Amino acid sequence: MASMDLLIERGVAERQLALIRMNTGWLRQALALLVTISDGAFSTAPENLAPHRVSGHMRHIIEFYECFLDGLNCSHVDYDARQRDAAIERSRQAAMARIRALIARLETTPVLMGDSILFVRVEDAEASGLRDPYLMSSVARELMTLSSHTIHHFALIAMTLRAHGVAVEASFGVAPSTLTYQTRRAANAEAA
């Protein structure tokens, strides 16, 4: 039985590491993008797309990760508790510093290597009228949620940058499953 427990533990650790790498990969992609764009493209909304600004989407992504990591110690995550720090929206350097700090935290926080139970506060809990505003989740589930959430906002960032006339990699902001589907479809079309 001990060997089965070890296999399960190893499987959980491998999965957690893959989820951490996926999320740090998105954050590194954000850093690479921020290095290449101008301050204007970062902090202003394109004509006809207000209020969409790269800076606002980046702040939102950063603060979701911070809420997640901050909630790990008490096993309660509240994504509505974001600081809404305007400094991130004014400065690419501030955004990049916070992203680097997130990558470091994701890579060094021991509790991320296990799939412990978390309680996540329901969005806008006051309006929901729930007696207990927390739902059960897990570290792995929240890492997947953060990944999907980040990709969603990357898609909005790509749209915003294109409206500014900034070239963005075609794959930026596209879900991995969509990229896989597109690759398979192209391969099948070539084979036909």
N, C-alpha and C. Protein backbone atom coordinates (compact mmCIF):
# COMPACT_ATOMS: atom_id res chain seq x y z
N MET A 1 0.82 -1.20 0.00
CA MET A 1 0.00 0.00 0.00
C MET A 1 0.86 1.27 0.00
N ALA A 2 2.01 1.18 0.67
CA ALA A 2 2.90 2.34 0.73
C ALA A 2 3.39 2.73 -0.66
N SER A 3 3.65 1.75 -1.52
CA SER A 3 4.10 2.07 -2.87
C SER A 3 3.01 2.76 -3.67
N MET A 4 1.74 2.38 -3.45
CA MET A 4 0.62 3.04 -4.13
C MET A 4 0.52 4.49 -3.67
N ASP A 5 0.67 4.73 -2.38
CA ASP A 5 0.64 6.10 -1.86
C ASP A 5 1.76 6.93 -2.45
N LEU A 6 2.94 6.33 -2.58
CA LEU A 6 4.08 7.03 -3.17
C LEU A 6 3.81 7.38 -4.63
N LEU A 7 3.22 6.45 -5.37
CA LEU A 7 2.87 6.72 -6.77
C LEU A 7 1.86 7.86 -6.88
N ILE A 8 0.88 7.85 -6.01
CA ILE A 8 -0.13 8.91 -6.01
C ILE A 8 0.51 10.24 -5.68
N GLU A 9 1.35 10.25 -4.64
CA GLU A 9 2.06 11.48 -4.27
C GLU A 9 2.91 12.00 -5.41
N ARG A 10 3.63 11.10 -6.07
CA ARG A 10 4.48 11.48 -7.19
C ARG A 10 3.63 12.06 -8.33
N GLY A 11 2.49 11.44 -8.59
CA GLY A 11 1.58 11.92 -9.64
C GLY A 11 1.05 13.31 -9.33
N VAL A 12 0.69 13.54 -8.07
CA VAL A 12 0.21 14.86 -7.66
C VAL A 12 1.32 15.89 -7.83
N ALA A 13 2.51 15.56 -7.38
CA ALA A 13 3.64 16.50 -7.49
C ALA A 13 3.94 16.83 -8.95
N GLU A 14 3.91 15.81 -9.83
CA GLU A 14 4.16 16.05 -11.25
C GLU A 14 3.09 16.96 -11.85
N ARG A 15 1.83 16.71 -11.49
CA ARG A 15 0.74 17.54 -11.99
C ARG A 15 0.87 18.97 -11.48
N GLN A 16 1.15 19.11 -10.21
CA GLN A 16 1.28 20.45 -9.64
C GLN A 16 2.42 21.22 -10.30
N LEU A 17 3.53 20.53 -10.52
CA LEU A 17 4.67 21.17 -11.18
C LEU A 17 4.30 21.61 -12.60
N ALA A 18 3.56 20.78 -13.32
CA ALA A 18 3.11 21.14 -14.67
C ALA A 18 2.20 22.37 -14.62
N LEU A 19 1.31 22.43 -13.64
CA LEU A 19 0.41 23.59 -13.51
C LEU A 19 1.18 24.86 -13.15
N ILE A 20 2.16 24.71 -12.27
CA ILE A 20 2.99 25.87 -11.91
C ILE A 20 3.76 26.36 -13.13
N ARG A 21 4.34 25.43 -13.87
CA ARG A 21 5.09 25.80 -15.08
C ARG A 21 4.19 26.47 -16.12
N MET A 22 2.97 25.98 -16.25
CA MET A 22 2.04 26.59 -17.20
C MET A 22 1.78 28.05 -16.81
N ASN A 23 1.51 28.28 -15.55
CA ASN A 23 1.23 29.64 -15.09
C ASN A 23 2.45 30.54 -15.16
N THR A 24 3.61 30.04 -14.77
CA THR A 24 4.81 30.87 -14.87
C THR A 24 5.14 31.13 -16.34
N GLY A 25 4.80 30.20 -17.19
CA GLY A 25 4.99 30.41 -18.63
C GLY A 25 4.16 31.57 -19.15
N TRP A 26 2.90 31.65 -18.70
CA TRP A 26 2.05 32.79 -19.11
C TRP A 26 2.65 34.09 -18.59
N LEU A 27 3.11 34.07 -17.35
CA LEU A 27 3.67 35.30 -16.77
C LEU A 27 4.95 35.72 -17.47
N ARG A 28 5.75 34.75 -17.87
CA ARG A 28 6.96 35.08 -18.66
C ARG A 28 6.58 35.64 -20.03
N GLN A 29 5.51 35.12 -20.60
CA GLN A 29 5.02 35.64 -21.87
C GLN A 29 4.57 37.10 -21.69
N ALA A 30 3.94 37.40 -20.57
CA ALA A 30 3.53 38.78 -20.28
C ALA A 30 4.75 39.68 -20.17
N LEU A 31 5.78 39.21 -19.47
CA LEU A 31 7.02 39.99 -19.36
C LEU A 31 7.62 40.27 -20.72
N ALA A 32 7.70 39.25 -21.55
CA ALA A 32 8.27 39.41 -22.90
C ALA A 32 7.48 40.43 -23.71
N LEU A 33 6.18 40.42 -23.57
CA LEU A 33 5.34 41.38 -24.28
C LEU A 33 5.59 42.80 -23.76
N LEU A 34 5.61 42.95 -22.45
CA LEU A 34 5.76 44.29 -21.86
C LEU A 34 7.08 44.94 -22.24
N VAL A 35 8.10 44.16 -22.45
CA VAL A 35 9.41 44.69 -22.85
C VAL A 35 9.33 45.29 -24.26
N THR A 36 8.45 44.75 -25.09
CA THR A 36 8.43 45.14 -26.50
C THR A 36 7.48 46.28 -26.83
N ILE A 37 6.56 46.62 -25.94
CA ILE A 37 5.57 47.65 -26.29
C ILE A 37 5.94 49.01 -25.67
N SER A 38 5.36 50.05 -26.23
CA SER A 38 5.64 51.40 -25.72
C SER A 38 4.77 51.69 -24.50
N ASP A 39 5.16 52.73 -23.77
CA ASP A 39 4.36 53.16 -22.62
C ASP A 39 2.95 53.57 -23.08
N GLY A 40 2.86 54.20 -24.24
CA GLY A 40 1.55 54.62 -24.76
C GLY A 40 0.65 53.43 -25.06
N ALA A 41 1.20 52.41 -25.72
CA ALA A 41 0.41 51.22 -26.03
C ALA A 41 0.02 50.49 -24.75
N PHE A 42 0.85 50.60 -23.72
CA PHE A 42 0.58 49.96 -22.44
C PHE A 42 -0.56 50.64 -21.70
N SER A 43 -0.54 51.97 -21.66
CA SER A 43 -1.42 52.67 -20.72
C SER A 43 -2.60 53.42 -21.33
N THR A 44 -2.74 53.43 -22.64
CA THR A 44 -3.87 54.16 -23.23
C THR A 44 -4.82 53.20 -23.94
N ALA A 45 -6.06 53.60 -24.01
CA ALA A 45 -7.07 52.81 -24.72
C ALA A 45 -7.10 53.25 -26.18
N PRO A 46 -7.16 52.30 -27.09
CA PRO A 46 -7.27 52.67 -28.50
C PRO A 46 -8.62 53.36 -28.74
N GLU A 47 -8.66 54.16 -29.78
CA GLU A 47 -9.90 54.82 -30.14
C GLU A 47 -10.98 53.75 -30.36
N ASN A 48 -12.15 53.99 -29.85
CA ASN A 48 -13.31 53.10 -29.96
C ASN A 48 -13.20 51.83 -29.12
N LEU A 49 -12.18 51.69 -28.30
CA LEU A 49 -12.07 50.51 -27.44
C LEU A 49 -12.00 50.85 -25.95
N ALA A 50 -12.24 52.09 -25.60
CA ALA A 50 -12.23 52.47 -24.19
C ALA A 50 -13.27 51.62 -23.46
N PRO A 51 -12.96 51.16 -22.31
CA PRO A 51 -11.83 51.43 -21.43
C PRO A 51 -10.69 50.41 -21.54
N HIS A 52 -10.66 49.60 -22.60
CA HIS A 52 -9.63 48.56 -22.71
C HIS A 52 -8.24 49.16 -22.85
N ARG A 53 -7.42 48.86 -21.83
CA ARG A 53 -6.02 49.24 -21.85
C ARG A 53 -5.22 48.01 -21.44
N VAL A 54 -4.08 47.82 -22.06
CA VAL A 54 -3.22 46.71 -21.68
C VAL A 54 -2.94 46.77 -20.19
N SER A 55 -2.66 47.96 -19.69
CA SER A 55 -2.29 48.12 -18.28
C SER A 55 -3.39 47.64 -17.34
N GLY A 56 -4.64 47.91 -17.67
CA GLY A 56 -5.75 47.47 -16.83
C GLY A 56 -5.88 45.96 -16.81
N HIS A 57 -5.72 45.34 -17.96
CA HIS A 57 -5.79 43.88 -18.02
C HIS A 57 -4.60 43.26 -17.28
N MET A 58 -3.41 43.83 -17.43
CA MET A 58 -2.23 43.30 -16.72
C MET A 58 -2.41 43.42 -15.21
N ARG A 59 -2.89 44.57 -14.75
CA ARG A 59 -3.12 44.74 -13.32
C ARG A 59 -4.09 43.67 -12.81
N HIS A 60 -5.16 43.46 -13.55
CA HIS A 60 -6.18 42.49 -13.17
C HIS A 60 -5.56 41.08 -13.05
N ILE A 61 -4.77 40.68 -14.04
CA ILE A 61 -4.11 39.37 -14.02
C ILE A 61 -3.19 39.27 -12.80
N ILE A 62 -2.35 40.26 -12.62
CA ILE A 62 -1.39 40.27 -11.51
C ILE A 62 -2.11 40.14 -10.18
N GLU A 63 -3.15 40.91 -10.00
CA GLU A 63 -3.83 40.91 -8.70
C GLU A 63 -4.61 39.61 -8.45
N PHE A 64 -5.07 38.93 -9.49
CA PHE A 64 -5.69 37.62 -9.28
C PHE A 64 -4.65 36.63 -8.75
N TYR A 65 -3.47 36.63 -9.35
CA TYR A 65 -2.42 35.75 -8.84
C TYR A 65 -2.06 36.11 -7.41
N GLU A 66 -1.95 37.39 -7.10
CA GLU A 66 -1.60 37.80 -5.74
C GLU A 66 -2.67 37.36 -4.74
N CYS A 67 -3.94 37.49 -5.09
CA CYS A 67 -5.01 37.05 -4.19
C CYS A 67 -4.93 35.55 -3.93
N PHE A 68 -4.66 34.81 -4.99
CA PHE A 68 -4.51 33.36 -4.84
C PHE A 68 -3.36 33.03 -3.89
N LEU A 69 -2.20 33.58 -4.17
CA LEU A 69 -1.02 33.26 -3.35
C LEU A 69 -1.18 33.76 -1.92
N ASP A 70 -1.78 34.93 -1.75
CA ASP A 70 -1.99 35.46 -0.40
C ASP A 70 -2.97 34.62 0.40
N GLY A 71 -3.90 33.95 -0.27
CA GLY A 71 -4.90 33.15 0.42
C GLY A 71 -4.45 31.75 0.79
N LEU A 72 -3.30 31.33 0.28
CA LEU A 72 -2.85 29.95 0.53
C LEU A 72 -2.61 29.66 2.01
N ASN A 73 -2.03 30.60 2.73
CA ASN A 73 -1.69 30.35 4.14
C ASN A 73 -2.91 30.05 5.00
N CYS A 74 -4.02 30.70 4.70
CA CYS A 74 -5.22 30.48 5.50
C CYS A 74 -6.24 29.59 4.78
N SER A 75 -5.88 29.11 3.59
CA SER A 75 -6.74 28.24 2.77
C SER A 75 -8.03 28.92 2.31
N HIS A 76 -8.04 30.24 2.32
CA HIS A 76 -9.21 31.00 1.86
C HIS A 76 -8.74 32.04 0.84
N VAL A 77 -9.28 31.95 -0.36
CA VAL A 77 -8.91 32.84 -1.45
C VAL A 77 -10.10 33.75 -1.77
N ASP A 78 -9.82 35.04 -1.85
CA ASP A 78 -10.87 36.02 -2.18
C ASP A 78 -10.36 36.88 -3.33
N TYR A 79 -10.79 36.55 -4.54
CA TYR A 79 -10.34 37.30 -5.71
C TYR A 79 -10.92 38.71 -5.76
N ASP A 80 -11.98 38.96 -5.01
CA ASP A 80 -12.54 40.32 -4.94
C ASP A 80 -11.71 41.23 -4.05
N ALA A 81 -10.75 40.69 -3.31
CA ALA A 81 -9.93 41.49 -2.40
C ALA A 81 -8.74 42.12 -3.10
N ARG A 82 -8.84 42.28 -4.40
CA ARG A 82 -7.74 42.90 -5.15
C ARG A 82 -7.52 44.33 -4.68
N GLN A 83 -6.25 44.75 -4.72
CA GLN A 83 -5.89 46.11 -4.29
C GLN A 83 -6.30 47.16 -5.32
N ARG A 84 -6.39 46.75 -6.57
CA ARG A 84 -6.64 47.67 -7.68
C ARG A 84 -5.60 48.79 -7.67
N ASP A 85 -4.35 48.36 -7.65
CA ASP A 85 -3.20 49.25 -7.53
C ASP A 85 -2.96 50.01 -8.84
N ALA A 86 -3.26 51.29 -8.82
CA ALA A 86 -3.11 52.12 -10.02
C ALA A 86 -1.66 52.24 -10.47
N ALA A 87 -0.71 52.02 -9.58
CA ALA A 87 0.72 52.11 -9.96
C ALA A 87 1.05 51.09 -11.04
N ILE A 88 0.41 49.94 -10.99
CA ILE A 88 0.65 48.91 -12.01
C ILE A 88 0.17 49.41 -13.37
N GLU A 89 -0.91 50.16 -13.36
CA GLU A 89 -1.49 50.65 -14.62
C GLU A 89 -0.72 51.84 -15.19
N ARG A 90 0.06 52.51 -14.37
CA ARG A 90 0.81 53.68 -14.84
C ARG A 90 2.21 53.33 -15.34
N SER A 91 2.74 52.20 -14.90
CA SER A 91 4.15 51.91 -15.14
C SER A 91 4.37 50.47 -15.59
N ARG A 92 4.91 50.32 -16.80
CA ARG A 92 5.29 48.98 -17.26
C ARG A 92 6.31 48.36 -16.32
N GLN A 93 7.24 49.19 -15.82
CA GLN A 93 8.28 48.67 -14.91
C GLN A 93 7.65 48.13 -13.62
N ALA A 94 6.66 48.83 -13.10
CA ALA A 94 5.98 48.35 -11.89
C ALA A 94 5.26 47.03 -12.17
N ALA A 95 4.61 46.95 -13.32
CA ALA A 95 3.92 45.71 -13.70
C ALA A 95 4.93 44.57 -13.84
N MET A 96 6.05 44.84 -14.50
CA MET A 96 7.07 43.80 -14.69
C MET A 96 7.65 43.34 -13.36
N ALA A 97 7.87 44.27 -12.43
CA ALA A 97 8.41 43.91 -11.12
C ALA A 97 7.44 42.99 -10.38
N ARG A 98 6.16 43.31 -10.44
CA ARG A 98 5.15 42.48 -9.76
C ARG A 98 5.06 41.11 -10.42
N ILE A 99 5.18 41.05 -11.74
CA ILE A 99 5.13 39.77 -12.43
C ILE A 99 6.34 38.92 -12.05
N ARG A 100 7.51 39.53 -12.00
CA ARG A 100 8.71 38.78 -11.58
C ARG A 100 8.54 38.23 -10.16
N ALA A 101 7.96 39.04 -9.29
CA ALA A 101 7.72 38.59 -7.91
C ALA A 101 6.73 37.42 -7.89
N LEU A 102 5.72 37.46 -8.74
CA LEU A 102 4.75 36.36 -8.82
C LEU A 102 5.42 35.08 -9.29
N ILE A 103 6.25 35.19 -10.31
CA ILE A 103 6.96 34.01 -10.81
C ILE A 103 7.79 33.39 -9.69
N ALA A 104 8.51 34.23 -8.95
CA ALA A 104 9.33 33.74 -7.84
C ALA A 104 8.47 33.05 -6.79
N ARG A 105 7.34 33.64 -6.46
CA ARG A 105 6.45 33.03 -5.46
C ARG A 105 5.89 31.71 -5.96
N LEU A 106 5.47 31.67 -7.21
CA LEU A 106 4.93 30.42 -7.76
C LEU A 106 5.97 29.31 -7.77
N GLU A 107 7.21 29.68 -8.01
CA GLU A 107 8.28 28.67 -8.09
C GLU A 107 8.81 28.24 -6.72
N THR A 108 8.50 28.99 -5.66
CA THR A 108 9.10 28.67 -4.36
C THR A 108 8.10 28.43 -3.24
N THR A 109 6.82 28.51 -3.48
CA THR A 109 5.82 28.32 -2.43
C THR A 109 5.55 26.82 -2.26
N PRO A 110 5.98 26.23 -1.16
CA PRO A 110 5.88 24.77 -0.98
C PRO A 110 4.45 24.22 -1.06
N VAL A 111 3.47 24.94 -0.55
CA VAL A 111 2.10 24.42 -0.52
C VAL A 111 1.54 24.18 -1.92
N LEU A 112 2.13 24.80 -2.92
CA LEU A 112 1.67 24.60 -4.30
C LEU A 112 1.97 23.19 -4.81
N MET A 113 2.92 22.52 -4.20
CA MET A 113 3.30 21.18 -4.66
C MET A 113 2.32 20.10 -4.22
N GLY A 114 1.42 20.43 -3.31
CA GLY A 114 0.37 19.50 -2.91
C GLY A 114 -0.97 20.06 -3.34
N ASP A 115 -1.92 19.19 -3.52
CA ASP A 115 -3.24 19.66 -3.98
C ASP A 115 -4.18 19.76 -2.79
N SER A 116 -3.89 20.70 -1.90
CA SER A 116 -4.71 20.85 -0.70
C SER A 116 -6.03 21.55 -1.03
N ILE A 117 -6.94 21.40 -0.12
CA ILE A 117 -8.27 22.01 -0.27
C ILE A 117 -8.16 23.50 0.02
N LEU A 118 -8.86 24.28 -0.77
CA LEU A 118 -8.98 25.72 -0.58
C LEU A 118 -10.45 26.08 -0.54
N PHE A 119 -10.74 27.22 0.04
CA PHE A 119 -12.09 27.76 0.00
C PHE A 119 -12.00 29.09 -0.73
N VAL A 120 -12.79 29.22 -1.77
CA VAL A 120 -12.73 30.39 -2.64
C VAL A 120 -14.03 31.17 -2.48
N ARG A 121 -13.88 32.44 -2.20
CA ARG A 121 -15.04 33.31 -1.98
C ARG A 121 -15.79 33.51 -3.29
N VAL A 122 -17.09 33.39 -3.22
CA VAL A 122 -17.96 33.60 -4.37
C VAL A 122 -17.83 35.05 -4.82
N GLU A 123 -17.73 35.24 -6.13
CA GLU A 123 -17.62 36.59 -6.68
C GLU A 123 -18.82 37.42 -6.23
N ASP A 124 -18.55 38.63 -5.76
CA ASP A 124 -19.58 39.55 -5.29
C ASP A 124 -20.51 38.87 -4.28
N ALA A 125 -19.89 38.27 -3.25
CA ALA A 125 -20.61 37.46 -2.27
C ALA A 125 -21.75 38.19 -1.58
N GLU A 126 -21.59 39.49 -1.34
CA GLU A 126 -22.66 40.24 -0.66
C GLU A 126 -23.96 40.20 -1.47
N ALA A 127 -23.85 40.36 -2.76
CA ALA A 127 -25.03 40.38 -3.62
C ALA A 127 -25.66 39.00 -3.76
N SER A 128 -24.87 37.94 -3.56
CA SER A 128 -25.38 36.59 -3.76
C SER A 128 -26.34 36.16 -2.65
N GLY A 129 -26.21 36.76 -1.46
CA GLY A 129 -27.09 36.42 -0.35
C GLY A 129 -26.78 35.06 0.27
N LEU A 130 -25.64 34.47 -0.05
CA LEU A 130 -25.28 33.18 0.53
C LEU A 130 -24.87 33.34 1.98
N ARG A 131 -25.28 32.38 2.80
CA ARG A 131 -24.89 32.43 4.21
C ARG A 131 -23.40 32.15 4.35
N ASP A 132 -22.89 31.17 3.57
CA ASP A 132 -21.47 30.89 3.55
C ASP A 132 -20.96 31.23 2.16
N PRO A 133 -20.21 32.34 2.03
CA PRO A 133 -19.82 32.80 0.69
C PRO A 133 -18.62 32.08 0.10
N TYR A 134 -18.16 30.97 0.72
CA TYR A 134 -16.99 30.26 0.22
C TYR A 134 -17.37 28.91 -0.38
N LEU A 135 -16.78 28.59 -1.52
CA LEU A 135 -16.96 27.30 -2.18
C LEU A 135 -15.67 26.50 -2.06
N MET A 136 -15.80 25.18 -1.97
CA MET A 136 -14.61 24.34 -1.87
C MET A 136 -13.95 24.22 -3.24
N SER A 137 -12.63 24.29 -3.22
CA SER A 137 -11.84 24.14 -4.43
C SER A 137 -10.54 23.45 -4.02
N SER A 138 -9.53 23.54 -4.87
CA SER A 138 -8.23 22.97 -4.54
C SER A 138 -7.15 23.83 -5.18
N VAL A 139 -5.93 23.62 -4.75
CA VAL A 139 -4.80 24.34 -5.32
C VAL A 139 -4.72 24.10 -6.82
N ALA A 140 -4.85 22.82 -7.24
CA ALA A 140 -4.76 22.50 -8.67
C ALA A 140 -5.88 23.18 -9.45
N ARG A 141 -7.08 23.13 -8.91
CA ARG A 141 -8.22 23.75 -9.62
C ARG A 141 -8.01 25.24 -9.77
N GLU A 142 -7.51 25.89 -8.75
CA GLU A 142 -7.30 27.33 -8.84
C GLU A 142 -6.14 27.68 -9.78
N LEU A 143 -5.11 26.82 -9.84
CA LEU A 143 -4.04 27.05 -10.82
C LEU A 143 -4.58 26.95 -12.25
N MET A 144 -5.50 26.00 -12.47
CA MET A 144 -6.14 25.89 -13.79
C MET A 144 -7.00 27.12 -14.07
N THR A 145 -7.73 27.57 -13.06
CA THR A 145 -8.57 28.76 -13.22
C THR A 145 -7.72 29.98 -13.55
N LEU A 146 -6.61 30.14 -12.85
CA LEU A 146 -5.72 31.27 -13.12
C LEU A 146 -5.17 31.21 -14.54
N SER A 147 -4.83 30.02 -15.00
CA SER A 147 -4.34 29.86 -16.36
C SER A 147 -5.39 30.30 -17.38
N SER A 148 -6.60 29.80 -17.23
CA SER A 148 -7.68 30.17 -18.16
C SER A 148 -7.99 31.66 -18.09
N HIS A 149 -8.01 32.19 -16.89
CA HIS A 149 -8.28 33.61 -16.69
C HIS A 149 -7.22 34.47 -17.38
N THR A 150 -5.96 34.06 -17.25
CA THR A 150 -4.86 34.80 -17.86
C THR A 150 -4.96 34.77 -19.38
N ILE A 151 -5.22 33.61 -19.95
CA ILE A 151 -5.35 33.50 -21.40
C ILE A 151 -6.50 34.38 -21.90
N HIS A 152 -7.60 34.38 -21.18
CA HIS A 152 -8.75 35.22 -21.54
C HIS A 152 -8.33 36.70 -21.61
N HIS A 153 -7.61 37.15 -20.61
CA HIS A 153 -7.19 38.55 -20.61
C HIS A 153 -6.08 38.81 -21.64
N PHE A 154 -5.25 37.82 -21.91
CA PHE A 154 -4.27 37.96 -22.98
C PHE A 154 -4.96 38.20 -24.32
N ALA A 155 -6.08 37.50 -24.54
CA ALA A 155 -6.83 37.71 -25.80
C ALA A 155 -7.31 39.15 -25.89
N LEU A 156 -7.77 39.71 -24.78
CA LEU A 156 -8.21 41.11 -24.77
C LEU A 156 -7.02 42.06 -24.96
N ILE A 157 -5.89 41.71 -24.38
CA ILE A 157 -4.67 42.51 -24.56
C ILE A 157 -4.25 42.49 -26.03
N ALA A 158 -4.29 41.31 -26.65
CA ALA A 158 -3.91 41.21 -28.06
C ALA A 158 -4.83 42.07 -28.92
N MET A 159 -6.13 42.02 -28.66
CA MET A 159 -7.09 42.83 -29.40
C MET A 159 -6.79 44.33 -29.21
N THR A 160 -6.49 44.70 -27.99
CA THR A 160 -6.19 46.11 -27.68
C THR A 160 -4.93 46.56 -28.40
N LEU A 161 -3.89 45.75 -28.36
CA LEU A 161 -2.64 46.11 -29.02
C LEU A 161 -2.81 46.19 -30.54
N ARG A 162 -3.54 45.26 -31.10
CA ARG A 162 -3.78 45.31 -32.55
C ARG A 162 -4.52 46.57 -32.94
N ALA A 163 -5.45 47.00 -32.08
CA ALA A 163 -6.17 48.25 -32.35
C ALA A 163 -5.24 49.45 -32.27
N HIS A 164 -4.16 49.31 -31.51
CA HIS A 164 -3.12 50.35 -31.44
C HIS A 164 -2.17 50.27 -32.64
N GLY A 165 -2.32 49.23 -33.46
CA GLY A 165 -1.41 49.02 -34.59
C GLY A 165 -0.15 48.27 -34.23
N VAL A 166 -0.15 47.63 -33.07
CA VAL A 166 1.02 46.87 -32.61
C VAL A 166 0.86 45.42 -33.05
N ALA A 167 1.88 44.88 -33.69
CA ALA A 167 1.85 43.48 -34.12
C ALA A 167 1.98 42.58 -32.89
N VAL A 168 1.11 41.60 -32.81
CA VAL A 168 1.12 40.64 -31.70
C VAL A 168 1.17 39.24 -32.30
N GLU A 169 1.97 38.39 -31.70
CA GLU A 169 2.06 37.00 -32.15
C GLU A 169 0.65 36.42 -32.28
N ALA A 170 0.42 35.68 -33.34
CA ALA A 170 -0.92 35.11 -33.58
C ALA A 170 -1.37 34.19 -32.46
N SER A 171 -0.44 33.54 -31.79
CA SER A 171 -0.80 32.60 -30.73
C SER A 171 -1.02 33.26 -29.36
N PHE A 172 -0.68 34.54 -29.25
CA PHE A 172 -0.82 35.22 -27.96
C PHE A 172 -2.31 35.35 -27.61
N GLY A 173 -2.69 34.84 -26.47
CA GLY A 173 -4.07 34.94 -26.02
C GLY A 173 -4.97 33.85 -26.59
N VAL A 174 -4.38 32.83 -27.18
CA VAL A 174 -5.15 31.72 -27.71
C VAL A 174 -4.93 30.52 -26.79
N ALA A 175 -6.01 29.88 -26.39
CA ALA A 175 -5.93 28.75 -25.48
C ALA A 175 -5.12 27.61 -26.10
N PRO A 176 -4.33 26.91 -25.28
CA PRO A 176 -3.54 25.80 -25.80
C PRO A 176 -4.39 24.77 -26.55
N SER A 177 -5.57 24.48 -26.06
CA SER A 177 -6.42 23.50 -26.75
C SER A 177 -6.83 24.00 -28.13
N THR A 178 -7.05 25.29 -28.26
CA THR A 178 -7.39 25.86 -29.57
C THR A 178 -6.20 25.77 -30.51
N LEU A 179 -5.01 26.06 -30.01
CA LEU A 179 -3.81 25.95 -30.84
C LEU A 179 -3.60 24.51 -31.31
N THR A 180 -3.83 23.55 -30.41
CA THR A 180 -3.70 22.14 -30.77
C THR A 180 -4.73 21.77 -31.85
N TYR A 181 -5.95 22.22 -31.66
CA TYR A 181 -7.00 21.96 -32.64
C TYR A 181 -6.64 22.56 -34.01
N GLN A 182 -6.17 23.78 -34.01
CA GLN A 182 -5.81 24.45 -35.26
C GLN A 182 -4.67 23.72 -35.97
N THR A 183 -3.69 23.23 -35.20
CA THR A 183 -2.57 22.49 -35.76
C THR A 183 -3.05 21.18 -36.39
N ARG A 184 -3.91 20.47 -35.66
CA ARG A 184 -4.44 19.21 -36.19
C ARG A 184 -5.27 19.43 -37.44
N ARG A 185 -6.08 20.47 -37.40
CA ARG A 185 -6.94 20.78 -38.55
C ARG A 185 -6.09 21.11 -39.78
N ALA A 186 -5.03 21.90 -39.56
CA ALA A 186 -4.13 22.25 -40.67
C ALA A 186 -3.43 21.01 -41.20
N ALA A 187 -3.00 20.11 -40.30
CA ALA A 187 -2.32 18.88 -40.72
C ALA A 187 -3.28 17.98 -41.50
N ASN A 188 -4.53 17.88 -41.05
CA ASN A 188 -5.53 17.08 -41.76
C ASN A 188 -5.84 17.67 -43.13
N ALA A 189 -5.90 18.98 -43.21
CA ALA A 189 -6.17 19.64 -44.50
C ALA A 189 -5.03 19.40 -45.48
N GLU A 190 -3.80 19.42 -44.96
CA GLU A 190 -2.62 19.16 -45.79
C GLU A 190 -2.60 17.73 -46.30
N ALA A 191 -3.01 16.79 -45.43
CA ALA A 191 -2.99 15.37 -45.78
C ALA A 191 -4.10 15.02 -46.78
N ALA A 192 -5.14 15.82 -46.79
CA ALA A 192 -6.29 15.51 -47.68
C ALA A 192 -6.06 15.86 -49.11
